[in-house]
Amino acid sequence: MKIRFLMVLQIGLVIQNISGQERYEAIHSGIPWFDQFNNEVNAHGACIVEENGRYYLFGEYKSDTNVFMGFSCYSSTDLKNWEFEKIVLPRQPDGLLGPGRIGERVKVMKCPETGEFIMYMHTDDRKYNDPHIGYATSKTVNGDYQFQGAILHEGKPIRKWDMGTFRDTDGKGYLLIHHGLIYELSSDYKSVKRLVTSQKGGGESPAMFKKDGVYYWLSSNLTSWERNDNTYMTATSPEGPWTMKGLFAPKGTLTWNSQCSFVFPVTNTKDTLFMYMGDRWSFPRQGSSATQVWQPITVRGDTMSIPEFQENWQVDMANVRWSPVDWKKEPVKDKSRIVRGHWETNKGIQGSNEKGAAISYTFTGQGVGIKAVSNNTSGYGRVIIKNSKGEEVVNSIMDFYSKYEYSSQKFLSPFLEKDTYTLSIEVLGEHPKWSDKSLNTYGSTDDYVRIEDVFVVKK
């Protein structure tokens, strides 16, 4: 294994000073993100709302017990550095979001007629036998949302599960439901005006965007928490007819190991960049190990694609275009590794499935990154960073599992004060594993953690 220094240049892992804090200048897909308190950003099944020049990220605040905790809100000025605002809608004392219930797929839209912010979500019991689409309201984007109950269509609740939302350029709001249902919302966004279409073809976790008069419907296949090759359809009207176009990421990449959740349009007066937002679920450790995959979408004519995976990329807000962010590396000698337990070495990659086995490094710098191998025998590993005083500054659990094998960046610490730190990577002796209602089994078959490289960040 090698340790490499990341030299921060004009290109590379650029770090800047924002509001007195030095922060990263990239969107890092598929790895843990950290907020201003060095806690992981916890916002899944997410969406983004732009308000007064600031971006607000809403999502499920997951726990490893999968008990519903509430919906979180984070804010950012650049889509890269996220600050925790608060839990804007916590678990309720009773009712559809009360104890023993779940809340998922949270989406927020600002109603152009009233100026209110309306939050929508799938509510259910923990066995997924009592689905409803609920809604909540707030006068401000990051305010305390008040749960209003089930949204109604013709006086009855919509008894469905996976859902999404879409606000058209004419201000009309739409509720998207799994398997191809689209409802137009009333002018105040608080009830359903009509069923627009119910044609088959859409899968789970629906998302929609519009470009040049063409509507794009994205959805995931039925594989429980497992990632899969997501598909898309197109139409020139929400009413259809909708045409199945196929995959939008290369076959077998499982949509770059993610499941679609939302498409966010980054706009200015000249153009729009569409950003795919997907979840990399990690059952049962959804709270500590699930991450997000955000990627720029390529649109040509009436086709869309994410042809290549961008590990690190950024948006030029002035020109609404994206560019990759590359790491500039300087190798150094590996002198500081401490090994506990049995580790196998194969082509320079250190691997172990022994519970409690660990590799530790001492480094001087301002952060650290880890490159690792993922495959169907991989499990969970714990990453701990301690400063020169022995104080723990980062404690994070990484999910190394993937249905197919690949090598990638798996961890990047928050930007730290310059110091001498100790990095430890420990095998937890656990792995993602679950089954669906039909008792199909998914996940890993072993607990391996395989480390390829460690990168020390230096300014």
Protein backbone atom coordinates (compact mmCIF):
# COMPACT_ATOMS: atom_id res chain seq x y z
CA MET A 1 0.00 0.00 0.00
CA LYS A 2 1.14 3.56 -0.68
CA ILE A 3 0.62 6.87 1.10
CA ARG A 4 0.45 9.84 -1.21
CA PHE A 5 0.35 13.58 -0.54
CA LEU A 6 -2.37 15.60 -2.21
CA MET A 7 -0.83 18.94 -3.13
CA VAL A 8 -3.59 21.52 -3.31
CA LEU A 9 -3.03 23.58 -6.43
CA GLN A 10 -5.26 25.66 -8.69
CA ILE A 11 -6.42 22.36 -10.05
CA GLY A 12 -6.74 19.37 -7.80
CA LEU A 13 -8.56 19.08 -4.51
CA VAL A 14 -9.00 22.83 -4.12
CA ILE A 15 -9.72 24.22 -0.68
CA GLN A 16 -11.03 27.73 -0.22
CA ASN A 17 -12.07 30.03 2.59
CA ILE A 18 -15.84 30.56 2.86
CA SER A 19 -17.32 32.56 5.77
CA GLY A 20 -14.10 32.13 7.74
CA GLN A 21 -13.98 28.36 7.22
CA GLU A 22 -11.66 26.58 4.82
CA ARG A 23 -13.76 24.21 2.74
CA TYR A 24 -13.48 21.82 -0.19
CA GLU A 25 -14.28 22.87 -3.75
CA ALA A 26 -15.82 19.74 -5.22
CA ILE A 27 -18.88 17.49 -5.18
CA HIS A 28 -17.57 14.09 -4.05
CA SER A 29 -19.92 11.29 -5.09
CA GLY A 30 -20.47 8.07 -3.17
CA ILE A 31 -18.50 8.98 -0.03
CA PRO A 32 -19.52 10.43 3.35
CA TRP A 33 -19.95 14.22 3.45
CA PHE A 34 -19.38 16.22 6.60
CA ASP A 35 -21.21 19.32 7.82
CA GLN A 36 -19.82 22.25 9.84
CA PHE A 37 -19.75 20.06 12.96
CA ASN A 38 -17.80 17.21 11.27
CA ASN A 39 -20.93 15.07 11.34
CA GLU A 40 -22.01 13.11 8.27
CA VAL A 41 -24.64 14.80 6.12
CA ASN A 42 -27.76 12.70 6.72
CA ALA A 43 -30.41 13.53 4.11
CA HIS A 44 -31.62 10.66 1.91
CA GLY A 45 -34.36 10.25 -0.68
CA ALA A 46 -33.55 13.91 -1.04
CA CYS A 47 -34.39 17.08 -2.97
CA ILE A 48 -32.98 20.59 -3.24
CA VAL A 49 -34.85 23.90 -3.17
CA GLU A 50 -33.16 27.16 -4.16
CA GLU A 51 -34.33 30.23 -2.25
CA ASN A 52 -32.75 33.72 -2.21
CA GLY A 53 -29.44 32.53 -3.61
CA ARG A 54 -29.05 29.65 -1.16
CA TYR A 55 -29.61 25.94 -1.69
CA TYR A 56 -31.60 23.87 0.81
CA LEU A 57 -31.19 20.09 0.92
CA PHE A 58 -34.05 18.08 2.44
CA GLY A 59 -33.88 14.37 3.16
CA GLU A 60 -34.64 11.45 5.41
CA TYR A 61 -32.64 11.64 8.63
CA LYS A 62 -31.87 7.93 8.79
CA SER A 63 -30.87 5.80 11.78
CA ASP A 64 -29.16 2.41 11.83
CA THR A 65 -32.24 0.97 13.56
CA ASN A 66 -34.35 2.34 10.68
CA VAL A 67 -36.69 4.02 13.16
CA PHE A 68 -38.08 7.23 11.65
CA MET A 69 -36.32 10.24 13.22
CA GLY A 70 -37.59 13.04 11.01
CA PHE A 71 -36.68 15.03 7.92
CA SER A 72 -33.48 17.07 7.91
CA CYS A 73 -32.53 20.34 6.25
CA TYR A 74 -29.04 21.46 5.22
CA SER A 75 -28.05 24.63 3.38
CA SER A 76 -25.25 25.62 1.02
CA THR A 77 -24.12 28.42 -1.25
CA ASP A 78 -22.24 26.18 -3.69
CA LEU A 79 -23.76 22.63 -3.62
CA LYS A 80 -20.48 21.31 -2.16
CA ASN A 81 -20.28 22.47 1.45
CA TRP A 82 -23.40 21.75 3.50
CA GLU A 83 -24.35 23.19 6.88
CA PHE A 84 -26.86 21.49 9.13
CA GLU A 85 -29.92 23.67 9.73
CA LYS A 86 -32.16 21.39 11.82
CA ILE A 87 -34.74 18.62 11.75
CA VAL A 88 -37.56 20.57 10.10
CA LEU A 89 -40.21 17.88 10.63
CA PRO A 90 -39.59 15.42 13.50
CA ARG A 91 -41.45 12.24 14.29
CA GLN A 92 -44.97 13.12 15.44
CA PRO A 93 -46.55 12.04 18.74
CA ASP A 94 -49.19 10.07 16.87
CA GLY A 95 -50.82 9.62 13.46
CA LEU A 96 -49.25 8.87 10.07
CA LEU A 97 -45.78 10.02 11.17
CA GLY A 98 -46.07 8.84 14.77
CA PRO A 99 -44.25 6.05 16.65
CA GLY A 100 -43.93 2.82 14.72
CA ARG A 101 -44.26 4.67 11.40
CA ILE A 102 -41.74 5.60 8.70
CA GLY A 103 -41.34 8.68 6.52
CA GLU A 104 -39.53 8.52 3.19
CA ARG A 105 -38.88 10.28 -0.15
CA VAL A 106 -39.32 13.79 1.27
CA LYS A 107 -39.79 16.48 -1.39
CA VAL A 108 -40.37 20.24 -0.97
CA MET A 109 -41.80 22.76 -3.46
CA LYS A 110 -42.58 26.46 -3.10
CA CYS A 111 -46.14 27.22 -4.17
CA PRO A 112 -46.10 30.18 -6.59
CA GLU A 113 -49.66 31.18 -5.65
CA THR A 114 -49.29 31.34 -1.87
CA GLY A 115 -45.51 31.53 -1.33
CA GLU A 116 -45.77 28.65 1.15
CA PHE A 117 -43.35 25.74 1.16
CA ILE A 118 -45.13 22.39 0.87
CA MET A 119 -43.39 19.19 1.93
CA TYR A 120 -44.53 15.79 0.63
CA MET A 121 -43.54 12.35 1.84
CA HIS A 122 -44.41 8.65 1.79
CA THR A 123 -45.65 7.55 5.22
CA ASP A 124 -46.17 3.92 6.19
CA ASP A 125 -46.00 1.35 8.95
CA ARG A 126 -42.70 -0.45 9.37
CA LYS A 127 -43.92 -3.45 7.38
CA TYR A 128 -44.98 -1.23 4.45
CA ASN A 129 -48.62 -2.33 4.68
CA ASP A 130 -50.25 1.09 5.27
CA PRO A 131 -48.93 3.56 2.65
CA HIS A 132 -50.10 7.17 2.40
CA ILE A 133 -48.78 10.31 0.74
CA GLY A 134 -48.63 12.96 3.45
CA TYR A 135 -47.84 16.67 3.38
CA ALA A 136 -46.64 19.45 5.68
CA THR A 137 -46.41 23.23 5.34
CA SER A 138 -44.10 26.07 6.36
CA LYS A 139 -44.01 29.83 5.73
CA THR A 140 -40.22 29.72 5.34
CA VAL A 141 -37.99 27.25 3.51
CA ASN A 142 -36.04 26.17 6.62
CA GLY A 143 -38.83 26.69 9.13
CA ASP A 144 -40.71 24.25 11.35
CA TYR A 145 -42.97 22.29 9.01
CA GLN A 146 -46.43 21.48 10.32
CA PHE A 147 -47.71 18.04 9.37
CA GLN A 148 -51.21 18.28 7.83
CA GLY A 149 -51.96 14.60 7.25
CA ALA A 150 -52.67 12.70 4.04
CA ILE A 151 -53.03 14.55 0.76
CA LEU A 152 -56.41 13.81 -0.82
CA HIS A 153 -57.65 13.02 -4.31
CA GLU A 154 -61.42 13.12 -4.71
CA GLY A 155 -61.73 13.11 -0.95
CA LYS A 156 -59.63 9.99 -0.44
CA PRO A 157 -55.95 9.50 0.51
CA ILE A 158 -53.49 8.26 -2.10
CA ARG A 159 -52.50 4.81 -0.80
CA LYS A 160 -49.17 4.52 -2.61
CA TRP A 161 -45.51 4.48 -1.57
CA ASP A 162 -42.54 5.72 -3.64
CA MET A 163 -43.21 9.27 -4.78
CA GLY A 164 -41.57 12.38 -6.18
CA THR A 165 -42.53 15.89 -7.22
CA PHE A 166 -42.06 18.17 -10.21
CA ARG A 167 -42.81 21.88 -10.66
CA ASP A 168 -43.29 22.87 -14.29
CA THR A 169 -42.22 26.16 -15.86
CA ASP A 170 -45.84 27.36 -15.79
CA GLY A 171 -45.97 26.92 -12.01
CA LYS A 172 -48.10 23.78 -12.00
CA GLY A 173 -47.10 21.22 -9.41
CA TYR A 174 -47.15 17.47 -9.98
CA LEU A 175 -47.03 14.47 -7.69
CA LEU A 176 -45.18 11.50 -9.21
CA ILE A 177 -46.04 7.99 -8.04
CA HIS A 178 -44.24 4.71 -8.65
CA HIS A 179 -45.23 2.67 -11.73
CA GLY A 180 -46.12 5.69 -13.85
CA LEU A 181 -48.87 7.67 -12.08
CA ILE A 182 -48.82 11.47 -12.33
CA TYR A 183 -51.21 13.71 -10.38
CA GLU A 184 -51.62 17.45 -10.97
CA LEU A 185 -51.81 19.37 -7.71
CA SER A 186 -54.30 22.10 -6.88
CA SER A 187 -53.15 25.71 -7.20
CA ASP A 188 -52.23 25.83 -3.49
CA TYR A 189 -50.35 22.48 -3.75
CA LYS A 190 -52.34 21.05 -0.81
CA SER A 191 -54.60 18.60 -2.63
CA VAL A 192 -54.78 16.72 -5.91
CA LYS A 193 -56.67 18.34 -8.77
CA ARG A 194 -56.68 15.41 -11.20
CA LEU A 195 -54.99 12.21 -12.28
CA VAL A 196 -52.95 13.16 -15.35
CA THR A 197 -51.78 9.72 -16.48
CA SER A 198 -51.61 6.19 -15.16
CA GLN A 199 -49.73 4.50 -17.96
CA LYS A 200 -47.37 1.71 -17.03
CA GLY A 201 -43.61 1.92 -17.40
CA GLY A 202 -42.28 3.91 -14.47
CA GLY A 203 -40.62 1.98 -11.66
CA GLU A 204 -39.82 3.06 -8.11
CA SER A 205 -38.33 6.33 -6.79
CA PRO A 206 -39.65 8.55 -9.63
CA ALA A 207 -37.95 11.81 -10.62
CA MET A 208 -38.67 14.24 -13.45
CA PHE A 209 -37.15 17.18 -15.29
CA LYS A 210 -37.91 19.17 -18.45
CA LYS A 211 -35.61 20.55 -21.14
CA ASP A 212 -36.52 22.16 -24.46
CA GLY A 213 -40.15 21.00 -24.23
CA VAL A 214 -39.25 17.37 -23.47
CA TYR A 215 -40.17 15.77 -20.13
CA TYR A 216 -37.87 13.09 -18.70
CA TRP A 217 -39.15 10.54 -16.18
CA LEU A 218 -36.45 8.63 -14.26
CA SER A 219 -37.15 5.56 -12.13
CA SER A 220 -35.53 2.60 -10.44
CA ASN A 221 -36.25 -1.11 -10.79
CA LEU A 222 -37.69 -3.29 -8.02
CA THR A 223 -34.59 -4.54 -6.18
CA SER A 224 -35.29 -3.37 -2.61
CA TRP A 225 -32.26 -1.44 -1.24
CA GLU A 226 -29.98 -2.89 -3.93
CA ARG A 227 -28.72 -0.53 -6.62
CA ASN A 228 -29.82 -1.30 -10.18
CA ASP A 229 -29.74 -0.05 -13.77
CA ASN A 230 -32.29 2.79 -13.64
CA THR A 231 -34.31 3.69 -16.75
CA TYR A 232 -36.01 6.75 -18.21
CA MET A 233 -38.98 7.66 -20.40
CA THR A 234 -39.74 10.83 -22.39
CA ALA A 235 -42.85 12.73 -23.47
CA THR A 236 -43.76 16.18 -24.76
CA SER A 237 -46.50 16.53 -22.12
CA PRO A 238 -47.03 15.10 -18.62
CA GLU A 239 -50.14 13.45 -20.09
CA GLY A 240 -47.97 11.45 -22.47
CA PRO A 241 -47.76 9.32 -24.41
CA TRP A 242 -44.54 8.30 -22.64
CA THR A 243 -41.83 6.46 -24.58
CA MET A 244 -39.42 4.12 -22.82
CA LYS A 245 -35.89 5.11 -23.78
CA GLY A 246 -33.91 2.62 -21.69
CA LEU A 247 -30.89 3.08 -19.44
CA PHE A 248 -29.21 6.42 -18.81
CA ALA A 249 -25.98 4.99 -17.33
CA PRO A 250 -23.88 2.21 -18.89
CA LYS A 251 -25.40 -1.24 -18.46
CA GLY A 252 -24.08 -3.12 -15.47
CA THR A 253 -22.89 -0.02 -13.57
CA LEU A 254 -26.16 -0.10 -11.59
CA THR A 255 -26.54 3.62 -12.30
CA TRP A 256 -23.07 4.10 -10.86
CA ASN A 257 -24.17 2.18 -7.79
CA SER A 258 -27.15 4.38 -6.93
CA GLN A 259 -30.92 4.72 -7.06
CA CYS A 260 -32.44 7.92 -8.47
CA SER A 261 -34.19 10.34 -6.14
CA PHE A 262 -34.35 13.80 -7.74
CA VAL A 263 -33.07 15.94 -10.60
CA PHE A 264 -32.07 19.46 -9.61
CA PRO A 265 -31.82 22.19 -12.27
CA VAL A 266 -28.89 24.56 -11.65
CA THR A 267 -29.91 27.68 -13.52
CA ASN A 268 -29.05 31.24 -14.41
CA THR A 269 -30.50 33.56 -17.05
CA LYS A 270 -28.53 31.85 -19.82
CA ASP A 271 -28.73 28.12 -19.33
CA THR A 272 -29.51 25.17 -17.06
CA LEU A 273 -27.41 22.26 -15.84
CA PHE A 274 -29.38 19.22 -14.67
CA MET A 275 -27.88 17.39 -11.71
CA TYR A 276 -28.82 13.78 -11.01
CA MET A 277 -29.28 13.06 -7.31
CA GLY A 278 -29.21 9.42 -6.25
CA ASP A 279 -28.81 7.40 -3.07
CA ARG A 280 -26.27 4.69 -2.42
CA TRP A 281 -28.31 2.87 0.23
CA SER A 282 -26.54 0.78 2.89
CA PHE A 283 -28.89 -1.56 4.71
CA PRO A 284 -28.98 -1.97 7.67
CA ARG A 285 -26.58 0.92 8.38
CA GLN A 286 -28.61 3.53 6.54
CA GLY A 287 -27.85 6.24 9.09
CA SER A 288 -24.10 5.82 9.37
CA SER A 289 -23.05 4.49 5.96
CA ALA A 290 -25.51 5.41 3.19
CA THR A 291 -24.06 8.04 0.84
CA GLN A 292 -25.18 10.13 -2.12
CA VAL A 293 -24.27 10.07 -5.81
CA TRP A 294 -24.67 13.40 -7.58
CA GLN A 295 -23.71 13.54 -11.26
CA PRO A 296 -24.04 15.99 -14.18
CA ILE A 297 -26.57 14.86 -16.78
CA THR A 298 -25.81 15.04 -20.50
CA VAL A 299 -28.87 15.91 -22.62
CA ARG A 300 -28.80 15.70 -26.42
CA GLY A 301 -32.03 16.01 -28.36
CA ASP A 302 -34.52 13.84 -26.48
CA THR A 303 -31.90 11.59 -24.87
CA MET A 304 -30.20 11.86 -21.51
CA SER A 305 -27.20 10.04 -20.11
CA ILE A 306 -24.56 9.87 -17.40
CA PRO A 307 -21.90 8.24 -19.59
CA GLU A 308 -18.99 8.42 -17.13
CA PHE A 309 -18.75 8.52 -13.35
CA GLN A 310 -17.32 11.73 -11.95
CA GLU A 311 -15.83 11.09 -8.52
CA ASN A 312 -14.98 14.76 -7.95
CA TRP A 313 -16.55 17.58 -9.93
CA GLN A 314 -17.76 21.15 -9.62
CA VAL A 315 -20.29 23.52 -11.13
CA ASP A 316 -19.30 26.83 -12.69
CA MET A 317 -22.33 28.80 -11.46
CA ALA A 318 -21.65 31.81 -13.70
CA ASN A 319 -21.70 29.78 -16.92
CA VAL A 320 -23.76 26.81 -15.64
CA ARG A 321 -21.37 24.14 -16.75
CA TRP A 322 -19.46 21.45 -14.91
CA SER A 323 -15.85 20.33 -14.84
CA PRO A 324 -14.00 17.42 -13.19
CA VAL A 325 -11.74 18.10 -10.23
CA ASP A 326 -8.57 16.01 -10.44
CA TRP A 327 -6.23 15.14 -7.61
CA LYS A 328 -2.54 16.01 -7.98
CA LYS A 329 -0.54 13.35 -6.12
CA GLU A 330 3.00 13.15 -4.79
CA PRO A 331 4.04 9.68 -3.56
CA VAL A 332 5.98 9.37 -0.31
CA LYS A 333 7.50 6.40 1.46
CA ASP A 334 5.19 4.24 3.53
CA LYS A 335 6.85 4.32 6.98
CA SER A 336 4.01 4.82 9.44
CA ARG A 337 1.68 1.85 9.03
CA ILE A 338 0.67 -0.12 12.13
CA VAL A 339 -1.22 -3.35 11.57
CA ARG A 340 -3.45 -5.20 14.06
CA GLY A 341 -4.83 -8.62 13.21
CA HIS A 342 -4.44 -10.63 10.02
CA TRP A 343 -4.32 -8.74 6.70
CA GLU A 344 -3.79 -10.29 3.28
CA THR A 345 -1.72 -8.54 0.61
CA ASN A 346 -2.65 -8.96 -3.05
CA LYS A 347 -1.11 -6.70 -5.70
CA GLY A 348 -0.45 -4.02 -3.10
CA ILE A 349 -4.01 -4.11 -1.72
CA GLN A 350 -4.37 -4.84 2.00
CA GLY A 351 -7.50 -6.83 2.88
CA SER A 352 -9.01 -8.45 5.95
CA ASN A 353 -12.34 -9.92 7.06
CA GLU A 354 -11.23 -10.45 10.65
CA LYS A 355 -13.40 -8.55 13.14
CA GLY A 356 -11.26 -5.96 14.94
CA ALA A 357 -8.36 -6.10 12.47
CA ALA A 358 -7.07 -2.59 11.83
CA ILE A 359 -4.50 -0.56 9.92
CA SER A 360 -3.32 2.76 11.40
CA TYR A 361 -1.28 5.62 9.96
CA THR A 362 0.28 8.69 11.48
CA PHE A 363 0.33 11.66 9.14
CA THR A 364 0.87 15.39 9.23
CA GLY A 365 -1.55 17.43 7.17
CA GLN A 366 -5.06 18.81 7.03
CA GLY A 367 -7.07 15.78 5.97
CA VAL A 368 -6.93 12.31 4.55
CA GLY A 369 -8.53 10.28 1.76
CA ILE A 370 -8.87 6.54 1.24
CA LYS A 371 -9.01 4.61 -2.01
CA ALA A 372 -10.44 1.10 -1.69
CA VAL A 373 -11.82 -1.90 -3.53
CA SER A 374 -15.52 -2.75 -3.39
CA ASN A 375 -17.11 -6.06 -4.34
CA ASN A 376 -19.73 -8.60 -3.25
CA THR A 377 -17.61 -9.95 -0.38
CA SER A 378 -16.99 -6.52 1.17
CA GLY A 379 -18.39 -5.31 4.47
CA TYR A 380 -18.23 -2.36 6.86
CA GLY A 381 -15.14 -0.60 8.18
CA ARG A 382 -14.80 2.10 10.82
CA VAL A 383 -12.59 5.15 10.16
CA ILE A 384 -11.29 7.07 13.18
CA ILE A 385 -9.05 10.15 13.07
CA LYS A 386 -7.39 11.46 16.24
CA ASN A 387 -5.34 14.63 16.58
CA SER A 388 -1.97 15.02 18.30
CA LYS A 389 -3.73 15.36 21.67
CA GLY A 390 -5.45 12.02 21.19
CA GLU A 391 -8.82 13.69 20.68
CA GLU A 392 -11.19 12.00 18.23
CA VAL A 393 -12.12 14.41 15.44
CA VAL A 394 -13.76 12.00 12.98
CA ASN A 395 -15.56 8.69 13.55
CA SER A 396 -17.28 7.32 10.47
CA ILE A 397 -18.43 3.91 9.20
CA MET A 398 -17.73 3.10 5.55
CA ASP A 399 -19.65 0.63 3.40
CA PHE A 400 -17.26 -1.21 1.06
CA TYR A 401 -19.95 -3.38 -0.58
CA SER A 402 -20.75 -3.42 -4.30
CA LYS A 403 -22.50 -6.05 -6.38
CA TYR A 404 -19.72 -5.73 -8.95
CA GLU A 405 -16.03 -5.07 -8.28
CA TYR A 406 -14.46 -1.68 -8.77
CA SER A 407 -11.82 0.57 -7.21
CA SER A 408 -12.58 4.15 -6.16
CA GLN A 409 -12.24 6.91 -3.65
CA LYS A 410 -14.23 5.75 -0.61
CA PHE A 411 -13.49 8.37 2.05
CA LEU A 412 -12.37 11.98 2.32
CA SER A 413 -12.18 13.62 5.71
CA PRO A 414 -13.46 17.11 6.39
CA PHE A 415 -10.77 19.77 6.12
CA LEU A 416 -8.91 19.84 9.45
CA GLU A 417 -6.50 22.16 11.23
CA LYS A 418 -2.89 21.45 10.35
CA ASP A 419 -1.65 18.87 12.84
CA THR A 420 -0.24 15.38 13.23
CA TYR A 421 -3.08 12.85 13.16
CA THR A 422 -3.59 9.12 13.53
CA LEU A 423 -5.88 7.45 11.00
CA SER A 424 -7.28 3.99 11.89
CA ILE A 425 -9.31 1.75 9.57
CA GLU A 426 -10.95 -1.14 11.44
CA VAL A 427 -12.87 -4.17 10.15
CA LEU A 428 -16.30 -4.24 11.84
CA GLY A 429 -17.04 -7.88 11.06
CA GLU A 430 -20.41 -6.91 9.57
CA HIS A 431 -21.73 -6.62 6.03
CA PRO A 432 -24.84 -5.32 4.22
CA LYS A 433 -27.44 -8.06 3.93
CA TRP A 434 -31.22 -7.99 3.63
CA SER A 435 -34.27 -9.55 1.97
CA ASP A 436 -37.44 -8.14 0.40
CA LYS A 437 -41.11 -9.08 0.85
CA SER A 438 -40.68 -11.99 -1.57
CA LEU A 439 -37.74 -13.25 0.52
CA ASN A 440 -35.21 -12.54 -2.22
CA THR A 441 -31.83 -12.01 -0.55
CA TYR A 442 -29.43 -9.18 -1.35
CA GLY A 443 -26.10 -7.84 -0.20
CA SER A 444 -22.62 -9.06 0.56
CA THR A 445 -21.45 -12.54 1.51
CA ASP A 446 -18.46 -11.58 3.69
CA ASP A 447 -16.92 -8.80 5.82
CA TYR A 448 -13.82 -7.82 3.83
CA VAL A 449 -12.25 -4.38 3.96
CA ARG A 450 -9.68 -3.85 1.19
CA ILE A 451 -7.51 -0.71 1.24
CA GLU A 452 -5.63 0.29 -1.89
CA ASP A 453 -4.19 3.73 -1.08
CA VAL A 454 -4.22 6.42 1.60
CA PHE A 455 -3.86 10.06 0.55
CA VAL A 456 -2.75 12.80 2.93
CA VAL A 457 -4.12 16.27 2.21
CA LYS A 458 -1.64 19.12 2.42
CA LYS A 459 -2.19 22.77 1.62
